[in-house]
Amino acid sequence: MPTQDYLKRFGTIALFDPEEGVTVREPLARGPGWWAGAPGVFYDEDSRQFYLVYRLRKPRELGRGVEVRLAASQDGVTYEDFWRLEKTELNSPSIERCSIFKGLDGKWRLYLSYVDPADDRWRTDVLEAEAPDGFRAENRHKVFTADDIGGEGVKDPVVFVVGRLYYLLLSYAQRVPVAPEDEARKHATADIFNTGLTISSSGLAVSTDGINFTWLGDIAPPRTGWDDYCLRLGAVVYTPPVFTVFYDGSASVAENYEEKCGLAQTFDLQHYRKVSRDGPILTSPQGSGSLRYLDVVRVDERLYYYYEYACADGSHELRVNVV
């Protein structure tokens, strides 16, 4: 991005008007609970292609997160689907946000988050392939289960490389004291984040190979009211001399599924200072106001922002905004 040092503005990132975004994918139907979103994007310099992973969801009574799809594009706006994974292939009640990445070794990896059928808690796995259309669900490897990180669930992977290390941001459900009679309710619906019996927070893991990660623990900055219940760190952009990080926030469990976008920055990816202390920095002007699961990739002098956007009818669609 062009430098603005002469203005004494260091590491400033250009934002966008969410209403001016272009719809990339619409939900399968319209109305509350019908969503297309949870995007993860990667730009491959070798093929000069954009690769997008996104999720399709139905209302809870109709199946929740039913599948993820991979799509490719030459311009970052018009995409063609070429791969899909249904939740039935994982024997899972629901699939959540995923992340696609091409490793330093040239291999492609798809990081999955889904409800573990063994205990109804969110977990994260990884698939590996020589090409983006080569992923096979049966070849997945565990990254983290809830027990591995000492939590009640772990999901929504966001992967990037700094130097020669792979960094993995994850949303996780903290273990908090609850009344004995509430213990059985934690995972009865296979989604503890929607029960209010946890706090939705963010953790960090690192790896030398993109497969085997070491959990470093919680990295969420202090909460300031509007993000008391959920603080889910997501997209990372290096804006020297800092990293700019977008995150999802909500004040209470009542806003679960309808989070809004906040902004923070960090020098070391472990200690964060929030920009959006008093409220979200990006919202939808429609419906619940939700704008969540933002991801961004920089290509040449352009930023391609992808985000899940609330519509007036209660559905969510996947949009892109090019700055």
C-alpha atoms as a PDB file:
ATOM      1  CA  MET A   1       0.000   0.000   0.000  1.00  0.00           C
ATOM      2  CA  PRO A   2       1.232   3.554  -0.672  1.00  0.00           C
ATOM      3  CA  THR A   3       3.029   5.043   2.295  1.00  0.00           C
ATOM      4  CA  GLN A   4       1.488   7.952   4.167  1.00  0.00           C
ATOM      5  CA  ASP A   5       4.531   8.726   6.281  1.00  0.00           C
ATOM      6  CA  TYR A   6       4.479  12.354   5.164  1.00  0.00           C
ATOM      7  CA  LEU A   7       1.118  12.660   6.958  1.00  0.00           C
ATOM      8  CA  LYS A   8       2.579  11.069  10.089  1.00  0.00           C
ATOM      9  CA  ARG A   9       0.153   8.188   9.630  1.00  0.00           C
ATOM     10  CA  PHE A  10       1.928   4.877  10.087  1.00  0.00           C
ATOM     11  CA  GLY A  11       0.267   1.516   9.483  1.00  0.00           C
ATOM     12  CA  THR A  12      -3.138   2.946   8.555  1.00  0.00           C
ATOM     13  CA  ILE A  13      -5.441   0.635   6.603  1.00  0.00           C
ATOM     14  CA  ALA A  14      -8.194   1.737   4.219  1.00  0.00           C
ATOM     15  CA  LEU A  15     -11.689   0.560   5.224  1.00  0.00           C
ATOM     16  CA  PHE A  16     -14.849   0.313   3.114  1.00  0.00           C
ATOM     17  CA  ASP A  17     -18.594   0.912   2.949  1.00  0.00           C
ATOM     18  CA  PRO A  18     -20.252  -2.497   3.569  1.00  0.00           C
ATOM     19  CA  GLU A  19     -23.385  -1.482   1.673  1.00  0.00           C
ATOM     20  CA  GLU A  20     -21.361  -0.979  -1.500  1.00  0.00           C
ATOM     21  CA  GLY A  21     -20.060  -4.533  -1.509  1.00  0.00           C
ATOM     22  CA  VAL A  22     -20.728  -6.931  -4.376  1.00  0.00           C
ATOM     23  CA  THR A  23     -22.658 -10.101  -3.545  1.00  0.00           C
ATOM     24  CA  VAL A  24     -20.439 -13.144  -4.163  1.00  0.00           C
ATOM     25  CA  ARG A  25     -22.823 -15.810  -2.880  1.00  0.00           C
ATOM     26  CA  GLU A  26     -26.441 -15.732  -1.758  1.00  0.00           C
ATOM     27  CA  PRO A  27     -27.858 -18.121   0.866  1.00  0.00           C
ATOM     28  CA  LEU A  28     -29.773 -21.222  -0.198  1.00  0.00           C
ATOM     29  CA  ALA A  29     -33.023 -19.481   0.781  1.00  0.00           C
ATOM     30  CA  ARG A  30     -34.085 -16.226   2.380  1.00  0.00           C
ATOM     31  CA  GLY A  31     -35.034 -15.581   6.002  1.00  0.00           C
ATOM     32  CA  PRO A  32     -33.464 -15.924   9.477  1.00  0.00           C
ATOM     33  CA  GLY A  33     -30.899 -18.724   9.754  1.00  0.00           C
ATOM     34  CA  TRP A  34     -30.195 -18.945   6.012  1.00  0.00           C
ATOM     35  CA  TRP A  35     -26.587 -17.845   5.523  1.00  0.00           C
ATOM     36  CA  ALA A  36     -23.824 -17.853   2.965  1.00  0.00           C
ATOM     37  CA  GLY A  37     -20.596 -16.666   4.529  1.00  0.00           C
ATOM     38  CA  ALA A  38     -17.786 -17.490   6.956  1.00  0.00           C
ATOM     39  CA  PRO A  39     -15.279 -16.804   4.140  1.00  0.00           C
ATOM     40  CA  GLY A  40     -11.598 -17.625   4.007  1.00  0.00           C
ATOM     41  CA  VAL A  41      -9.572 -16.348   1.043  1.00  0.00           C
ATOM     42  CA  PHE A  42      -6.108 -17.027  -0.369  1.00  0.00           C
ATOM     43  CA  TYR A  43      -4.405 -15.525  -3.423  1.00  0.00           C
ATOM     44  CA  ASP A  44      -1.999 -17.835  -5.242  1.00  0.00           C
ATOM     45  CA  GLU A  45       0.788 -15.899  -6.955  1.00  0.00           C
ATOM     46  CA  ASP A  46       1.795 -18.895  -9.070  1.00  0.00           C
ATOM     47  CA  SER A  47      -1.576 -19.303 -10.793  1.00  0.00           C
ATOM     48  CA  ARG A  48      -2.750 -15.708 -10.199  1.00  0.00           C
ATOM     49  CA  GLN A  49      -5.999 -17.129  -8.873  1.00  0.00           C
ATOM     50  CA  PHE A  50      -8.095 -16.246  -5.852  1.00  0.00           C
ATOM     51  CA  TYR A  51      -9.324 -19.217  -3.825  1.00  0.00           C
ATOM     52  CA  LEU A  52     -12.324 -18.844  -1.548  1.00  0.00           C
ATOM     53  CA  VAL A  53     -13.758 -21.233   1.022  1.00  0.00           C
ATOM     54  CA  TYR A  54     -17.221 -20.438   2.346  1.00  0.00           C
ATOM     55  CA  ARG A  55     -20.014 -22.062   4.299  1.00  0.00           C
ATOM     56  CA  LEU A  56     -23.707 -22.553   3.608  1.00  0.00           C
ATOM     57  CA  ARG A  57     -26.073 -22.750   6.552  1.00  0.00           C
ATOM     58  CA  LYS A  58     -29.749 -23.535   7.049  1.00  0.00           C
ATOM     59  CA  PRO A  59     -31.882 -22.681  10.093  1.00  0.00           C
ATOM     60  CA  ARG A  60     -31.112 -24.834  13.134  1.00  0.00           C
ATOM     61  CA  GLU A  61     -34.225 -26.981  12.707  1.00  0.00           C
ATOM     62  CA  LEU A  62     -33.191 -27.751   9.119  1.00  0.00           C
ATOM     63  CA  GLY A  63     -29.586 -28.701   9.723  1.00  0.00           C
ATOM     64  CA  ARG A  64     -27.408 -25.674  10.632  1.00  0.00           C
ATOM     65  CA  GLY A  65     -24.030 -25.574   8.826  1.00  0.00           C
ATOM     66  CA  VAL A  66     -24.645 -28.074   6.030  1.00  0.00           C
ATOM     67  CA  GLU A  67     -21.589 -27.731   3.793  1.00  0.00           C
ATOM     68  CA  VAL A  68     -18.470 -25.814   2.792  1.00  0.00           C
ATOM     69  CA  ARG A  69     -17.452 -25.059  -0.767  1.00  0.00           C
ATOM     70  CA  LEU A  70     -14.291 -23.998  -2.541  1.00  0.00           C
ATOM     71  CA  ALA A  71     -14.422 -21.521  -5.398  1.00  0.00           C
ATOM     72  CA  ALA A  72     -11.829 -19.943  -7.708  1.00  0.00           C
ATOM     73  CA  SER A  73     -11.647 -16.553  -9.389  1.00  0.00           C
ATOM     74  CA  GLN A  74      -9.356 -14.558 -11.647  1.00  0.00           C
ATOM     75  CA  ASP A  75     -10.601 -11.147 -10.518  1.00  0.00           C
ATOM     76  CA  GLY A  76     -11.517 -11.752  -6.865  1.00  0.00           C
ATOM     77  CA  VAL A  77     -15.180 -10.938  -7.509  1.00  0.00           C
ATOM     78  CA  THR A  78     -16.654 -13.550  -9.852  1.00  0.00           C
ATOM     79  CA  TYR A  79     -16.193 -17.085  -8.504  1.00  0.00           C
ATOM     80  CA  GLU A  80     -16.824 -20.588  -9.783  1.00  0.00           C
ATOM     81  CA  ASP A  81     -17.330 -23.440  -7.307  1.00  0.00           C
ATOM     82  CA  PHE A  82     -15.154 -26.527  -7.866  1.00  0.00           C
ATOM     83  CA  TRP A  83     -15.275 -28.528  -4.585  1.00  0.00           C
ATOM     84  CA  ARG A  84     -17.692 -29.171  -1.747  1.00  0.00           C
ATOM     85  CA  LEU A  85     -17.798 -30.980   1.569  1.00  0.00           C
ATOM     86  CA  GLU A  86     -21.093 -31.875   3.236  1.00  0.00           C
ATOM     87  CA  LYS A  87     -21.348 -32.274   6.998  1.00  0.00           C
ATOM     88  CA  THR A  88     -22.569 -35.843   6.508  1.00  0.00           C
ATOM     89  CA  GLU A  89     -19.078 -36.771   5.270  1.00  0.00           C
ATOM     90  CA  LEU A  90     -17.819 -35.819   8.730  1.00  0.00           C
ATOM     91  CA  ASN A  91     -20.779 -37.393  10.539  1.00  0.00           C
ATOM     92  CA  SER A  92     -21.136 -33.976  12.157  1.00  0.00           C
ATOM     93  CA  PRO A  93     -24.126 -31.875  13.264  1.00  0.00           C
ATOM     94  CA  SER A  94     -22.586 -28.727  11.759  1.00  0.00           C
ATOM     95  CA  ILE A  95     -19.624 -27.195   9.937  1.00  0.00           C
ATOM     96  CA  GLU A  96     -18.264 -23.747  10.769  1.00  0.00           C
ATOM     97  CA  ARG A  97     -15.650 -21.383   9.310  1.00  0.00           C
ATOM     98  CA  CYS A  98     -12.741 -22.950   7.405  1.00  0.00           C
ATOM     99  CA  SER A  99      -9.438 -21.613   6.058  1.00  0.00           C
ATOM    100  CA  ILE A 100      -7.556 -22.407   2.829  1.00  0.00           C
ATOM    101  CA  PHE A 101      -3.810 -21.908   2.569  1.00  0.00           C
ATOM    102  CA  LYS A 102      -0.881 -22.841   0.339  1.00  0.00           C
ATOM    103  CA  GLY A 103       2.104 -23.796   2.480  1.00  0.00           C
ATOM    104  CA  LEU A 104       5.732 -22.853   2.144  1.00  0.00           C
ATOM    105  CA  ASP A 105       6.306 -26.347   0.727  1.00  0.00           C
ATOM    106  CA  GLY A 106       3.785 -25.779  -2.068  1.00  0.00           C
ATOM    107  CA  LYS A 107       1.161 -28.108  -0.605  1.00  0.00           C
ATOM    108  CA  TRP A 108      -2.413 -26.927  -0.145  1.00  0.00           C
ATOM    109  CA  ARG A 109      -4.148 -27.161   3.211  1.00  0.00           C
ATOM    110  CA  LEU A 110      -7.781 -26.763   4.204  1.00  0.00           C
ATOM    111  CA  TYR A 111      -8.386 -26.192   7.899  1.00  0.00           C
ATOM    112  CA  LEU A 112     -11.850 -27.388   8.947  1.00  0.00           C
ATOM    113  CA  SER A 113     -13.922 -26.612  12.006  1.00  0.00           C
ATOM    114  CA  TYR A 114     -16.908 -28.783  12.781  1.00  0.00           C
ATOM    115  CA  VAL A 115     -18.775 -30.376  15.662  1.00  0.00           C
ATOM    116  CA  ASP A 116     -17.041 -33.562  16.781  1.00  0.00           C
ATOM    117  CA  PRO A 117     -19.630 -36.386  16.661  1.00  0.00           C
ATOM    118  CA  ALA A 118     -17.803 -38.064  19.559  1.00  0.00           C
ATOM    119  CA  ASP A 119     -18.682 -35.420  22.149  1.00  0.00           C
ATOM    120  CA  ASP A 120     -20.716 -32.667  20.416  1.00  0.00           C
ATOM    121  CA  ARG A 121     -17.916 -30.121  20.893  1.00  0.00           C
ATOM    122  CA  TRP A 122     -16.296 -28.013  18.189  1.00  0.00           C
ATOM    123  CA  ARG A 123     -12.927 -29.223  16.893  1.00  0.00           C
ATOM    124  CA  THR A 124     -10.441 -28.242  14.169  1.00  0.00           C
ATOM    125  CA  ASP A 125      -8.792 -30.545  11.611  1.00  0.00           C
ATOM    126  CA  VAL A 126      -6.641 -30.091   8.516  1.00  0.00           C
ATOM    127  CA  LEU A 127      -6.719 -31.642   5.046  1.00  0.00           C
ATOM    128  CA  GLU A 128      -3.658 -31.658   2.794  1.00  0.00           C
ATOM    129  CA  ALA A 129      -3.466 -31.986  -1.008  1.00  0.00           C
ATOM    130  CA  GLU A 130      -1.213 -31.265  -3.975  1.00  0.00           C
ATOM    131  CA  ALA A 131      -3.907 -29.091  -5.574  1.00  0.00           C
ATOM    132  CA  PRO A 132      -6.989 -27.224  -4.275  1.00  0.00           C
ATOM    133  CA  ASP A 133      -9.375 -29.750  -5.819  1.00  0.00           C
ATOM    134  CA  GLY A 134      -7.586 -32.707  -4.240  1.00  0.00           C
ATOM    135  CA  PHE A 135      -8.872 -32.541  -0.655  1.00  0.00           C
ATOM    136  CA  ARG A 136     -10.445 -35.720   0.713  1.00  0.00           C
ATOM    137  CA  ALA A 137     -12.372 -35.711   3.987  1.00  0.00           C
ATOM    138  CA  GLU A 138     -11.153 -39.172   4.948  1.00  0.00           C
ATOM    139  CA  ASN A 139      -7.543 -37.919   4.955  1.00  0.00           C
ATOM    140  CA  ARG A 140      -8.045 -35.246   7.613  1.00  0.00           C
ATOM    141  CA  HIS A 141      -5.671 -34.867  10.544  1.00  0.00           C
ATOM    142  CA  LYS A 142      -6.502 -33.520  13.974  1.00  0.00           C
ATOM    143  CA  VAL A 143      -5.240 -30.047  14.818  1.00  0.00           C
ATOM    144  CA  PHE A 144      -7.041 -29.497  18.147  1.00  0.00           C
ATOM    145  CA  THR A 145      -9.959 -30.910  20.069  1.00  0.00           C
ATOM    146  CA  ALA A 146     -11.565 -29.081  22.978  1.00  0.00           C
ATOM    147  CA  ASP A 147      -9.624 -31.172  25.489  1.00  0.00           C
ATOM    148  CA  ASP A 148      -6.323 -30.412  23.753  1.00  0.00           C
ATOM    149  CA  ILE A 149      -6.664 -26.709  24.568  1.00  0.00           C
ATOM    150  CA  GLY A 150      -8.431 -27.068  27.919  1.00  0.00           C
ATOM    151  CA  GLY A 151     -11.677 -25.590  26.611  1.00  0.00           C
ATOM    152  CA  GLU A 152     -15.215 -26.538  25.669  1.00  0.00           C
ATOM    153  CA  GLY A 153     -14.763 -26.167  21.901  1.00  0.00           C
ATOM    154  CA  VAL A 154     -12.303 -24.813  19.319  1.00  0.00           C
ATOM    155  CA  LYS A 155     -13.160 -23.567  15.823  1.00  0.00           C
ATOM    156  CA  ASP A 156     -12.930 -20.844  13.134  1.00  0.00           C
ATOM    157  CA  PRO A 157      -9.280 -21.272  12.078  1.00  0.00           C
ATOM    158  CA  VAL A 158      -7.403 -18.392  10.433  1.00  0.00           C
ATOM    159  CA  VAL A 159      -3.933 -19.309   9.113  1.00  0.00           C
ATOM    160  CA  PHE A 160      -1.032 -17.134   7.978  1.00  0.00           C
ATOM    161  CA  VAL A 161       2.770 -17.258   7.854  1.00  0.00           C
ATOM    162  CA  VAL A 162       5.220 -14.844   9.450  1.00  0.00           C
ATOM    163  CA  GLY A 163       8.824 -15.587   8.539  1.00  0.00           C
ATOM    164  CA  ARG A 164       8.973 -19.386   8.498  1.00  0.00           C
ATOM    165  CA  LEU A 165       6.317 -20.009  11.148  1.00  0.00           C
ATOM    166  CA  TYR A 166       2.649 -20.809  10.615  1.00  0.00           C
ATOM    167  CA  TYR A 167       0.317 -18.893  12.911  1.00  0.00           C
ATOM    168  CA  LEU A 168      -3.192 -20.139  13.669  1.00  0.00           C
ATOM    169  CA  LEU A 169      -5.887 -17.970  15.236  1.00  0.00           C
ATOM    170  CA  LEU A 170      -8.772 -19.923  16.740  1.00  0.00           C
ATOM    171  CA  SER A 171     -12.059 -19.132  18.416  1.00  0.00           C
ATOM    172  CA  TYR A 172     -12.537 -21.206  21.519  1.00  0.00           C
ATOM    173  CA  ALA A 173     -15.097 -21.702  24.276  1.00  0.00           C
ATOM    174  CA  GLN A 174     -13.676 -20.987  27.721  1.00  0.00           C
ATOM    175  CA  ARG A 175     -14.503 -23.245  30.628  1.00  0.00           C
ATOM    176  CA  VAL A 176     -16.387 -21.150  33.161  1.00  0.00           C
ATOM    177  CA  PRO A 177     -18.063 -22.181  36.431  1.00  0.00           C
ATOM    178  CA  VAL A 178     -21.707 -23.176  35.972  1.00  0.00           C
ATOM    179  CA  ALA A 179     -24.357 -24.601  38.262  1.00  0.00           C
ATOM    180  CA  PRO A 180     -24.332 -28.424  38.470  1.00  0.00           C
ATOM    181  CA  GLU A 181     -27.730 -28.594  36.810  1.00  0.00           C
ATOM    182  CA  ASP A 182     -26.342 -26.670  33.805  1.00  0.00           C
ATOM    183  CA  GLU A 183     -23.467 -29.055  33.068  1.00  0.00           C
ATOM    184  CA  ALA A 184     -25.688 -31.331  30.988  1.00  0.00           C
ATOM    185  CA  ARG A 185     -26.890 -28.347  28.935  1.00  0.00           C
ATOM    186  CA  LYS A 186     -23.426 -27.304  27.778  1.00  0.00           C
ATOM    187  CA  HIS A 187     -23.301 -29.576  24.747  1.00  0.00           C
ATOM    188  CA  ALA A 188     -26.885 -30.809  24.520  1.00  0.00           C
ATOM    189  CA  THR A 189     -27.426 -28.746  21.342  1.00  0.00           C
ATOM    190  CA  ALA A 190     -23.912 -29.404  19.967  1.00  0.00           C
ATOM    191  CA  ASP A 191     -23.147 -25.682  20.100  1.00  0.00           C
ATOM    192  CA  ILE A 192     -21.985 -24.385  23.477  1.00  0.00           C
ATOM    193  CA  PHE A 193     -21.492 -20.877  22.042  1.00  0.00           C
ATOM    194  CA  ASN A 194     -25.273 -20.518  21.798  1.00  0.00           C
ATOM    195  CA  THR A 195     -25.957 -21.508  25.421  1.00  0.00           C
ATOM    196  CA  GLY A 196     -24.443 -18.660  27.411  1.00  0.00           C
ATOM    197  CA  LEU A 197     -22.555 -21.239  29.497  1.00  0.00           C
ATOM    198  CA  THR A 198     -19.173 -20.120  28.183  1.00  0.00           C
ATOM    199  CA  ILE A 199     -17.251 -17.067  27.034  1.00  0.00           C
ATOM    200  CA  SER A 200     -16.244 -16.941  23.371  1.00  0.00           C
ATOM    201  CA  SER A 201     -12.574 -16.000  23.202  1.00  0.00           C
ATOM    202  CA  SER A 202      -9.512 -16.210  20.941  1.00  0.00           C
ATOM    203  CA  GLY A 203      -6.340 -18.276  21.144  1.00  0.00           C
ATOM    204  CA  LEU A 204      -3.104 -18.611  19.198  1.00  0.00           C
ATOM    205  CA  ALA A 205      -1.098 -21.628  18.036  1.00  0.00           C
ATOM    206  CA  VAL A 206       2.148 -21.892  16.040  1.00  0.00           C
ATOM    207  CA  SER A 207       3.717 -24.540  13.820  1.00  0.00           C
ATOM    208  CA  THR A 208       6.814 -25.151  11.729  1.00  0.00           C
ATOM    209  CA  ASP A 209       5.014 -27.339   9.166  1.00  0.00           C
ATOM    210  CA  GLY A 210       1.391 -26.145   9.079  1.00  0.00           C
ATOM    211  CA  ILE A 211       0.176 -29.498  10.408  1.00  0.00           C
ATOM    212  CA  ASN A 212       1.400 -29.902  13.980  1.00  0.00           C
ATOM    213  CA  PHE A 213       0.597 -26.882  16.126  1.00  0.00           C
ATOM    214  CA  THR A 214       1.535 -25.833  19.649  1.00  0.00           C
ATOM    215  CA  TRP A 215      -1.200 -24.059  21.588  1.00  0.00           C
ATOM    216  CA  LEU A 216       0.067 -20.799  23.129  1.00  0.00           C
ATOM    217  CA  GLY A 217      -3.129 -19.869  24.965  1.00  0.00           C
ATOM    218  CA  ASP A 218      -5.600 -17.018  25.135  1.00  0.00           C
ATOM    219  CA  ILE A 219      -4.696 -13.754  23.378  1.00  0.00           C
ATOM    220  CA  ALA A 220      -7.967 -11.804  23.499  1.00  0.00           C
ATOM    221  CA  PRO A 221      -7.563  -8.167  24.563  1.00  0.00           C
ATOM    222  CA  PRO A 222      -9.627  -6.791  27.477  1.00  0.00           C
ATOM    223  CA  ARG A 223     -13.331  -6.524  26.729  1.00  0.00           C
ATOM    224  CA  THR A 224     -15.103  -3.177  26.777  1.00  0.00           C
ATOM    225  CA  GLY A 225     -18.848  -3.820  26.846  1.00  0.00           C
ATOM    226  CA  TRP A 226     -20.008  -4.354  23.294  1.00  0.00           C
ATOM    227  CA  ASP A 227     -17.742  -7.424  22.959  1.00  0.00           C
ATOM    228  CA  ASP A 228     -18.179  -8.855  26.477  1.00  0.00           C
ATOM    229  CA  TYR A 229     -19.488 -12.241  25.332  1.00  0.00           C
ATOM    230  CA  CYS A 230     -17.688 -12.830  22.047  1.00  0.00           C
ATOM    231  CA  LEU A 231     -14.265 -11.569  21.004  1.00  0.00           C
ATOM    232  CA  ARG A 232     -13.216 -13.641  18.003  1.00  0.00           C
ATOM    233  CA  LEU A 233      -9.991 -12.476  16.334  1.00  0.00           C
ATOM    234  CA  GLY A 234      -9.928 -13.098  12.600  1.00  0.00           C
ATOM    235  CA  ALA A 235      -8.365 -11.485   9.539  1.00  0.00           C
ATOM    236  CA  VAL A 236      -4.788 -10.220   9.889  1.00  0.00           C
ATOM    237  CA  VAL A 237      -3.135  -7.647   7.613  1.00  0.00           C
ATOM    238  CA  TYR A 238       0.476  -6.570   8.002  1.00  0.00           C
ATOM    239  CA  THR A 239       0.472  -2.788   7.984  1.00  0.00           C
ATOM    240  CA  PRO A 240       4.055  -1.922   8.984  1.00  0.00           C
ATOM    241  CA  PRO A 241       5.013  -1.370  11.709  1.00  0.00           C
ATOM    242  CA  VAL A 242       1.923  -3.163  13.149  1.00  0.00           C
ATOM    243  CA  PHE A 243      -0.478  -5.984  12.328  1.00  0.00           C
ATOM    244  CA  THR A 244      -4.073  -4.831  11.858  1.00  0.00           C
ATOM    245  CA  VAL A 245      -6.597  -7.439  13.028  1.00  0.00           C
ATOM    246  CA  PHE A 246     -10.355  -7.565  12.468  1.00  0.00           C
ATOM    247  CA  TYR A 247     -12.517  -9.385  15.002  1.00  0.00           C
ATOM    248  CA  ASP A 248     -16.136 -10.358  15.699  1.00  0.00           C
ATOM    249  CA  GLY A 249     -17.775  -9.086  18.870  1.00  0.00           C
ATOM    250  CA  SER A 250     -21.064  -9.388  20.721  1.00  0.00           C
ATOM    251  CA  ALA A 251     -22.286  -8.106  24.059  1.00  0.00           C
ATOM    252  CA  SER A 252     -24.198 -11.223  25.102  1.00  0.00           C
ATOM    253  CA  VAL A 253     -25.317 -14.645  23.958  1.00  0.00           C
ATOM    254  CA  ALA A 254     -28.443 -12.954  22.559  1.00  0.00           C
ATOM    255  CA  GLU A 255     -26.240 -11.697  19.711  1.00  0.00           C
ATOM    256  CA  ASN A 256     -24.675 -15.068  18.989  1.00  0.00           C
ATOM    257  CA  TYR A 257     -24.781 -15.601  15.206  1.00  0.00           C
ATOM    258  CA  GLU A 258     -25.210 -11.831  14.689  1.00  0.00           C
ATOM    259  CA  GLU A 259     -21.790 -10.484  15.698  1.00  0.00           C
ATOM    260  CA  LYS A 260     -20.357  -7.220  14.402  1.00  0.00           C
ATOM    261  CA  CYS A 261     -16.851  -6.302  13.271  1.00  0.00           C
ATOM    262  CA  GLY A 262     -14.229  -4.677  15.487  1.00  0.00           C
ATOM    263  CA  LEU A 263     -10.624  -3.634  14.906  1.00  0.00           C
ATOM    264  CA  ALA A 264      -7.427  -4.125  16.902  1.00  0.00           C
ATOM    265  CA  GLN A 265      -3.704  -3.889  16.303  1.00  0.00           C
ATOM    266  CA  THR A 266      -0.646  -5.690  17.594  1.00  0.00           C
ATOM    267  CA  PHE A 267       3.117  -5.687  17.218  1.00  0.00           C
ATOM    268  CA  ASP A 268       3.707  -9.306  18.268  1.00  0.00           C
ATOM    269  CA  LEU A 269       0.399 -11.168  17.569  1.00  0.00           C
ATOM    270  CA  GLN A 270       0.009 -11.909  21.274  1.00  0.00           C
ATOM    271  CA  HIS A 271      -0.724  -8.507  22.836  1.00  0.00           C
ATOM    272  CA  TYR A 272      -3.512  -6.449  21.273  1.00  0.00           C
ATOM    273  CA  ARG A 273      -4.771  -2.902  21.624  1.00  0.00           C
ATOM    274  CA  LYS A 274      -8.323  -2.327  20.448  1.00  0.00           C
ATOM    275  CA  VAL A 275      -9.268   0.510  18.135  1.00  0.00           C
ATOM    276  CA  SER A 276     -13.004  -0.174  18.417  1.00  0.00           C
ATOM    277  CA  ARG A 277     -13.312   0.183  22.182  1.00  0.00           C
ATOM    278  CA  ASP A 278     -16.778   1.728  22.260  1.00  0.00           C
ATOM    279  CA  GLY A 279     -18.484  -0.224  19.505  1.00  0.00           C
ATOM    280  CA  PRO A 280     -18.007  -2.042  16.197  1.00  0.00           C
ATOM    281  CA  ILE A 281     -16.174  -0.358  13.356  1.00  0.00           C
ATOM    282  CA  LEU A 282     -18.082  -2.100  10.534  1.00  0.00           C
ATOM    283  CA  THR A 283     -21.759  -3.121  10.488  1.00  0.00           C
ATOM    284  CA  SER A 284     -24.531  -3.851   8.019  1.00  0.00           C
ATOM    285  CA  PRO A 285     -27.201  -1.154   7.723  1.00  0.00           C
ATOM    286  CA  GLN A 286     -29.801  -3.915   7.346  1.00  0.00           C
ATOM    287  CA  GLY A 287     -31.443  -6.483   9.592  1.00  0.00           C
ATOM    288  CA  SER A 288     -29.517  -7.230  12.782  1.00  0.00           C
ATOM    289  CA  GLY A 289     -26.597  -5.067  11.661  1.00  0.00           C
ATOM    290  CA  SER A 290     -24.320  -8.096  11.677  1.00  0.00           C
ATOM    291  CA  LEU A 291     -21.096  -8.017   9.713  1.00  0.00           C
ATOM    292  CA  ARG A 292     -18.849 -10.888  10.682  1.00  0.00           C
ATOM    293  CA  TYR A 293     -16.187 -13.397   9.642  1.00  0.00           C
ATOM    294  CA  LEU A 294     -14.339 -10.749   7.657  1.00  0.00           C
ATOM    295  CA  ASP A 295     -11.287 -11.889   5.716  1.00  0.00           C
ATOM    296  CA  VAL A 296      -8.997  -9.793   3.553  1.00  0.00           C
ATOM    297  CA  VAL A 297      -6.201 -10.348   1.053  1.00  0.00           C
ATOM    298  CA  ARG A 298      -3.944  -7.712  -0.459  1.00  0.00           C
ATOM    299  CA  VAL A 299      -3.052  -8.058  -4.148  1.00  0.00           C
ATOM    300  CA  ASP A 300      -0.840  -5.357  -5.631  1.00  0.00           C
ATOM    301  CA  GLU A 301      -2.331  -2.079  -4.374  1.00  0.00           C
ATOM    302  CA  ARG A 302      -5.815  -3.439  -3.702  1.00  0.00           C
ATOM    303  CA  LEU A 303      -7.451  -4.877  -0.613  1.00  0.00           C
ATOM    304  CA  TYR A 304     -10.143  -7.501  -1.223  1.00  0.00           C
ATOM    305  CA  TYR A 305     -12.469  -7.605   1.775  1.00  0.00           C
ATOM    306  CA  TYR A 306     -14.828 -10.583   2.108  1.00  0.00           C
ATOM    307  CA  TYR A 307     -17.507 -10.611   4.786  1.00  0.00           C
ATOM    308  CA  GLU A 308     -20.771 -12.157   5.908  1.00  0.00           C
ATOM    309  CA  TYR A 309     -23.445  -9.451   5.715  1.00  0.00           C
ATOM    310  CA  ALA A 310     -26.885  -9.326   7.371  1.00  0.00           C
ATOM    311  CA  CYS A 311     -29.814  -8.623   5.046  1.00  0.00           C
ATOM    312  CA  ALA A 312     -33.171  -7.003   5.804  1.00  0.00           C
ATOM    313  CA  ASP A 313     -34.986 -10.360   5.691  1.00  0.00           C
ATOM    314  CA  GLY A 314     -32.716 -11.898   8.374  1.00  0.00           C
ATOM    315  CA  SER A 315     -30.571 -13.945   6.008  1.00  0.00           C
ATOM    316  CA  HIS A 316     -26.815 -13.435   5.539  1.00  0.00           C
ATOM    317  CA  GLU A 317     -25.008 -13.196   2.219  1.00  0.00           C
ATOM    318  CA  LEU A 318     -21.317 -13.262   1.276  1.00  0.00           C
ATOM    319  CA  ARG A 319     -19.965  -9.998  -0.105  1.00  0.00           C
ATOM    320  CA  VAL A 320     -16.686  -8.600  -1.405  1.00  0.00           C
ATOM    321  CA  ASN A 321     -15.520  -4.996  -1.376  1.00  0.00           C
ATOM    322  CA  VAL A 322     -12.381  -3.993  -3.285  1.00  0.00           C
ATOM    323  CA  VAL A 323     -10.461  -0.980  -1.986  1.00  0.00           C
END
